[in-house]
């Protein structure tokens, strides 16, 4: 797990919208999207859209269209990896 991934997981103990992650991490939007995509592909986070209660399955083809409107949460596996580092 890279330092940016670790720092991002630090912010995802609760469902957090993309805009909030932008503010808290200070990452450029495109880089934040890339980090989120990587974490989703690894199964370390989950995405929620159109509301914080509706989990959205990760699909590579549609992620870019909703990435900035979605919210994110660390998965159980993500929390385990984050806490054992």
Protein backbone atom coordinates (compact mmCIF):
# COMPACT_ATOMS: atom_id res chain seq x y z
CA UNK A 1 0.00 0.00 0.00
CA UNK A 2 1.40 3.37 -1.03
CA UNK A 3 1.46 6.41 1.24
CA UNK A 4 -1.29 8.19 -0.75
CA UNK A 5 -3.48 5.08 -0.55
CA UNK A 6 -2.85 4.85 3.20
CA UNK A 7 -3.71 8.54 3.65
CA UNK A 8 -6.87 8.15 1.60
CA UNK A 9 -8.01 5.13 3.63
CA UNK A 10 -7.45 7.28 6.71
CA UNK A 11 -10.33 9.47 5.51
CA UNK A 12 -12.68 6.61 4.67
CA UNK A 13 -13.76 5.24 8.03
CA UNK A 14 -17.14 6.84 7.29
CA UNK A 15 -18.94 7.35 3.98
CA UNK A 16 -17.24 10.40 2.48
CA UNK A 17 -18.18 12.30 -0.71
CA UNK A 18 -15.58 12.95 -3.41
CA UNK A 19 -15.66 16.73 -2.79
CA UNK A 20 -14.82 16.25 0.87
CA UNK A 21 -11.95 13.94 -0.04
CA UNK A 22 -10.62 16.62 -2.39
CA UNK A 23 -10.54 19.13 0.45
CA UNK A 24 -9.10 16.79 3.06
CA UNK A 25 -6.41 15.17 0.92
CA UNK A 26 -5.37 18.19 -1.13
CA UNK A 27 -4.91 15.91 -4.16
CA UNK A 28 -5.79 17.16 -7.64
CA UNK A 29 -9.15 15.74 -8.79
CA UNK A 30 -7.64 13.53 -11.51
CA UNK A 31 -5.10 12.04 -9.10
CA UNK A 32 -7.78 11.43 -6.47
CA UNK A 33 -9.87 9.61 -9.09
CA UNK A 34 -6.88 7.44 -9.98
CA UNK A 35 -6.23 6.61 -6.31
CA UNK A 36 -9.90 5.75 -5.76
CA UNK A 37 -9.94 3.57 -8.87
CA UNK A 38 -6.88 1.67 -7.64
CA UNK A 39 -8.39 1.12 -4.19
CA UNK A 40 -11.69 -0.03 -5.73
CA UNK A 41 -9.87 -2.48 -8.00
CA UNK A 42 -8.07 -3.91 -4.98
CA UNK A 43 -11.34 -4.23 -3.06
CA UNK A 44 -10.09 -1.91 -0.30
CA UNK A 45 -12.95 0.60 -0.62
CA UNK A 46 -16.57 0.66 -1.75
CA UNK A 47 -18.42 3.34 -3.70
CA UNK A 48 -21.90 4.70 -3.04
CA UNK A 49 -24.14 6.47 -5.54
CA UNK A 50 -26.62 8.22 -5.93
CA UNK A 51 -26.93 8.40 -2.15
CA UNK A 52 -24.73 7.30 0.79
CA UNK A 53 -26.91 4.24 1.42
CA UNK A 54 -26.75 2.70 -2.06
CA UNK A 55 -23.59 0.72 -2.75
CA UNK A 56 -22.54 0.76 -6.39
CA UNK A 57 -20.60 -2.15 -7.83
CA UNK A 58 -17.32 -1.01 -9.36
CA UNK A 59 -17.26 -1.13 -13.15
CA UNK A 60 -14.21 0.13 -15.02
CA UNK A 61 -16.28 1.47 -17.92
CA UNK A 62 -18.66 3.62 -15.89
CA UNK A 63 -16.47 4.73 -12.98
CA UNK A 64 -15.22 7.91 -14.65
CA UNK A 65 -18.77 9.12 -15.24
CA UNK A 66 -19.80 8.97 -11.58
CA UNK A 67 -16.49 9.16 -9.69
CA UNK A 68 -16.87 12.82 -8.69
CA UNK A 69 -20.53 12.41 -7.67
CA UNK A 70 -20.04 9.28 -5.57
CA UNK A 71 -19.14 8.77 -1.93
CA UNK A 72 -16.60 6.21 -0.66
CA UNK A 73 -16.02 4.00 2.36
CA UNK A 74 -13.18 1.67 3.34
CA UNK A 75 -14.10 -2.01 3.07
CA UNK A 76 -13.41 -4.47 5.87
CA UNK A 77 -10.28 -5.61 3.99
CA UNK A 78 -9.21 -2.01 3.52
CA UNK A 79 -9.57 -1.28 7.22
CA UNK A 80 -7.58 -4.40 8.12
CA UNK A 81 -4.74 -3.44 5.79
CA UNK A 82 -4.82 0.16 6.99
CA UNK A 83 -4.66 -0.84 10.65
CA UNK A 84 -1.89 -3.43 10.24
CA UNK A 85 0.52 -1.16 8.41
